[in-house]
């Protein structure tokens, strides 16, 4: 079970790293993933990574909508 969870989180981290725009944000995300797996249990790390990833996705969506709204006015 834990191997599947680690593989899913690894794929999620890979997708997020490829989608982040700057190398600083990629490095920060990878550092967060590494630190969460080193200090938390596997389940706690997975939940925290999923939560932070969802926050980043929602933030990117909101900024994209705001950027598009400014262009049309």
N, C-alpha and C. Protein backbone atom coordinates (compact mmCIF):
# COMPACT_ATOMS: atom_id res chain seq x y z
N UNK A 1 0.82 -1.19 0.00
CA UNK A 1 0.00 0.00 0.00
C UNK A 1 0.87 1.26 0.00
N UNK A 2 1.91 1.25 0.83
CA UNK A 2 2.76 2.44 0.91
C UNK A 2 3.54 2.65 -0.37
N UNK A 3 3.88 1.57 -1.06
CA UNK A 3 4.62 1.71 -2.31
C UNK A 3 3.76 2.40 -3.37
N UNK A 4 2.48 2.06 -3.40
CA UNK A 4 1.57 2.70 -4.35
C UNK A 4 1.39 4.18 -4.02
N UNK A 5 1.31 4.48 -2.73
CA UNK A 5 1.16 5.87 -2.30
C UNK A 5 2.40 6.69 -2.65
N UNK A 6 3.56 6.12 -2.43
CA UNK A 6 4.80 6.82 -2.76
C UNK A 6 4.92 7.01 -4.27
N UNK A 7 4.53 6.02 -5.04
CA UNK A 7 4.58 6.14 -6.50
C UNK A 7 3.61 7.21 -7.00
N UNK A 8 2.42 7.26 -6.42
CA UNK A 8 1.45 8.29 -6.82
C UNK A 8 1.94 9.68 -6.46
N UNK A 9 2.52 9.84 -5.30
CA UNK A 9 3.06 11.14 -4.90
C UNK A 9 4.25 11.52 -5.77
N UNK A 10 5.07 10.55 -6.12
CA UNK A 10 6.20 10.82 -7.01
C UNK A 10 5.71 11.31 -8.37
N UNK A 11 4.68 10.68 -8.92
CA UNK A 11 4.13 11.14 -10.20
C UNK A 11 3.50 12.52 -10.07
N UNK A 12 2.82 12.78 -8.97
CA UNK A 12 2.25 14.11 -8.74
C UNK A 12 3.34 15.16 -8.66
N UNK A 13 4.42 14.85 -7.96
CA UNK A 13 5.54 15.79 -7.85
C UNK A 13 6.20 16.02 -9.20
N UNK A 14 6.33 14.98 -9.99
CA UNK A 14 6.93 15.12 -11.32
C UNK A 14 6.08 16.00 -12.21
N UNK A 15 4.77 15.80 -12.19
CA UNK A 15 3.87 16.63 -12.99
C UNK A 15 3.93 18.08 -12.54
N UNK A 16 3.95 18.30 -11.22
CA UNK A 16 4.00 19.68 -10.72
C UNK A 16 5.32 20.35 -11.08
N UNK A 17 6.42 19.63 -10.98
CA UNK A 17 7.72 20.22 -11.31
C UNK A 17 7.77 20.60 -12.78
N UNK A 18 7.20 19.77 -13.64
CA UNK A 18 7.20 20.10 -15.06
C UNK A 18 6.28 21.27 -15.38
N UNK A 19 5.25 21.50 -14.57
CA UNK A 19 4.31 22.58 -14.84
C UNK A 19 4.70 23.91 -14.19
N UNK A 20 5.57 23.88 -13.20
CA UNK A 20 5.97 25.13 -12.58
C UNK A 20 6.87 25.91 -13.52
N UNK A 21 6.77 27.23 -13.46
CA UNK A 21 7.40 28.07 -14.47
C UNK A 21 8.87 28.38 -14.21
N UNK A 22 9.23 28.69 -12.98
CA UNK A 22 10.60 29.11 -12.71
C UNK A 22 11.36 28.00 -11.99
N UNK A 23 12.66 28.07 -12.08
CA UNK A 23 13.47 27.05 -11.42
C UNK A 23 13.42 27.21 -9.91
N UNK A 24 13.17 28.42 -9.42
CA UNK A 24 13.06 28.64 -7.98
C UNK A 24 11.82 27.96 -7.42
N UNK A 25 10.71 28.05 -8.13
CA UNK A 25 9.50 27.39 -7.65
C UNK A 25 9.63 25.88 -7.75
N UNK A 26 10.30 25.39 -8.77
CA UNK A 26 10.54 23.94 -8.88
C UNK A 26 11.41 23.45 -7.73
N UNK A 27 12.45 24.20 -7.42
CA UNK A 27 13.34 23.82 -6.33
C UNK A 27 12.62 23.88 -4.99
N UNK A 28 11.79 24.88 -4.79
CA UNK A 28 11.04 25.00 -3.54
C UNK A 28 10.05 23.85 -3.39
N UNK A 29 9.38 23.47 -4.48
CA UNK A 29 8.43 22.37 -4.41
C UNK A 29 9.15 21.05 -4.11
N UNK A 30 10.27 20.81 -4.78
CA UNK A 30 11.03 19.58 -4.52
C UNK A 30 11.59 19.55 -3.10
N UNK A 31 12.00 20.69 -2.59
CA UNK A 31 12.48 20.76 -1.20
C UNK A 31 11.35 20.45 -0.23
N UNK A 32 10.14 20.96 -0.52
CA UNK A 32 9.00 20.68 0.33
C UNK A 32 8.66 19.19 0.32
N UNK A 33 8.72 18.57 -0.84
CA UNK A 33 8.44 17.14 -0.94
C UNK A 33 9.48 16.35 -0.17
N UNK A 34 10.74 16.69 -0.35
CA UNK A 34 11.82 15.97 0.32
C UNK A 34 11.74 16.14 1.84
N UNK A 35 11.51 17.36 2.30
CA UNK A 35 11.42 17.59 3.74
C UNK A 35 10.21 16.91 4.36
N UNK A 36 9.09 16.90 3.65
CA UNK A 36 7.91 16.26 4.23
C UNK A 36 8.09 14.75 4.33
N UNK A 37 8.75 14.14 3.36
CA UNK A 37 8.99 12.70 3.47
C UNK A 37 10.06 12.37 4.50
N UNK A 38 10.98 13.29 4.75
CA UNK A 38 12.03 12.99 5.71
C UNK A 38 11.59 13.21 7.16
N UNK A 39 10.63 14.11 7.40
CA UNK A 39 10.23 14.41 8.77
C UNK A 39 8.87 13.84 9.16
N UNK A 40 8.03 13.48 8.20
CA UNK A 40 6.69 12.97 8.50
C UNK A 40 6.58 11.51 8.09
N UNK A 41 5.52 10.86 8.55
CA UNK A 41 5.26 9.50 8.07
C UNK A 41 4.80 9.56 6.63
N UNK A 42 4.70 8.41 6.00
CA UNK A 42 4.34 8.38 4.58
C UNK A 42 2.95 8.96 4.36
N UNK A 43 2.01 8.58 5.20
CA UNK A 43 0.64 9.07 5.04
C UNK A 43 0.54 10.57 5.31
N UNK A 44 1.19 11.05 6.36
CA UNK A 44 1.17 12.48 6.66
C UNK A 44 1.84 13.28 5.55
N UNK A 45 2.94 12.76 5.03
CA UNK A 45 3.63 13.44 3.94
C UNK A 45 2.76 13.49 2.69
N UNK A 46 2.09 12.39 2.39
CA UNK A 46 1.22 12.35 1.21
C UNK A 46 0.08 13.34 1.33
N UNK A 47 -0.54 13.40 2.50
CA UNK A 47 -1.65 14.34 2.70
C UNK A 47 -1.16 15.78 2.60
N UNK A 48 -0.02 16.08 3.19
CA UNK A 48 0.48 17.46 3.13
C UNK A 48 0.89 17.84 1.72
N UNK A 49 1.49 16.93 0.97
CA UNK A 49 1.88 17.22 -0.41
C UNK A 49 0.65 17.43 -1.29
N UNK A 50 -0.36 16.60 -1.11
CA UNK A 50 -1.59 16.77 -1.89
C UNK A 50 -2.26 18.10 -1.55
N UNK A 51 -2.29 18.47 -0.27
CA UNK A 51 -2.91 19.73 0.12
C UNK A 51 -2.16 20.93 -0.46
N UNK A 52 -0.86 20.92 -0.36
CA UNK A 52 -0.07 22.04 -0.89
C UNK A 52 -0.17 22.10 -2.41
N UNK A 53 -0.21 20.95 -3.06
CA UNK A 53 -0.36 20.92 -4.51
C UNK A 53 -1.70 21.49 -4.94
N UNK A 54 -2.76 21.15 -4.22
CA UNK A 54 -4.07 21.71 -4.55
C UNK A 54 -4.09 23.22 -4.35
N UNK A 55 -3.44 23.70 -3.30
CA UNK A 55 -3.36 25.14 -3.07
C UNK A 55 -2.63 25.81 -4.22
N UNK A 56 -1.53 25.23 -4.68
CA UNK A 56 -0.79 25.80 -5.81
C UNK A 56 -1.61 25.80 -7.09
N UNK A 57 -2.37 24.74 -7.33
CA UNK A 57 -3.20 24.67 -8.53
C UNK A 57 -4.30 25.73 -8.48
N UNK A 58 -4.96 25.87 -7.33
CA UNK A 58 -6.00 26.90 -7.21
C UNK A 58 -5.42 28.30 -7.33
N UNK A 59 -4.24 28.53 -6.78
CA UNK A 59 -3.59 29.83 -6.90
C UNK A 59 -3.28 30.15 -8.36
N UNK A 60 -2.77 29.16 -9.08
CA UNK A 60 -2.46 29.38 -10.50
C UNK A 60 -3.74 29.64 -11.30
N UNK A 61 -4.82 28.95 -10.97
CA UNK A 61 -6.08 29.17 -11.68
C UNK A 61 -6.63 30.57 -11.42
N UNK A 62 -6.57 31.01 -10.18
CA UNK A 62 -7.08 32.34 -9.85
C UNK A 62 -6.25 33.43 -10.52
N UNK A 63 -4.93 33.29 -10.50
CA UNK A 63 -4.10 34.31 -11.15
C UNK A 63 -4.30 34.31 -12.66
N UNK A 64 -4.53 33.15 -13.26
CA UNK A 64 -4.78 33.11 -14.70
C UNK A 64 -6.10 33.79 -15.04
N UNK A 65 -7.12 33.57 -14.24
CA UNK A 65 -8.41 34.21 -14.48
C UNK A 65 -8.29 35.72 -14.29
N UNK A 66 -7.59 36.15 -13.26
CA UNK A 66 -7.41 37.59 -13.04
C UNK A 66 -6.60 38.22 -14.17
N UNK A 67 -5.61 37.54 -14.66
CA UNK A 67 -4.80 38.06 -15.76
C UNK A 67 -5.63 38.19 -17.03
N UNK A 68 -6.48 37.22 -17.31
CA UNK A 68 -7.34 37.27 -18.50
C UNK A 68 -8.42 38.33 -18.36
N UNK A 69 -8.90 38.57 -17.17
CA UNK A 69 -9.92 39.60 -16.96
C UNK A 69 -9.35 40.98 -17.21
N UNK A 70 -8.09 41.20 -16.89
CA UNK A 70 -7.46 42.50 -17.13
C UNK A 70 -7.21 42.74 -18.61
N UNK A 71 -6.99 41.70 -19.37
CA UNK A 71 -6.71 41.86 -20.79
C UNK A 71 -7.93 42.31 -21.57
N UNK A 72 -9.11 41.87 -21.17
CA UNK A 72 -10.32 42.17 -21.93
C UNK A 72 -10.88 43.55 -21.63
N UNK A 73 -10.44 44.18 -20.57
CA UNK A 73 -11.00 45.50 -20.23
C UNK A 73 -10.16 46.60 -20.71
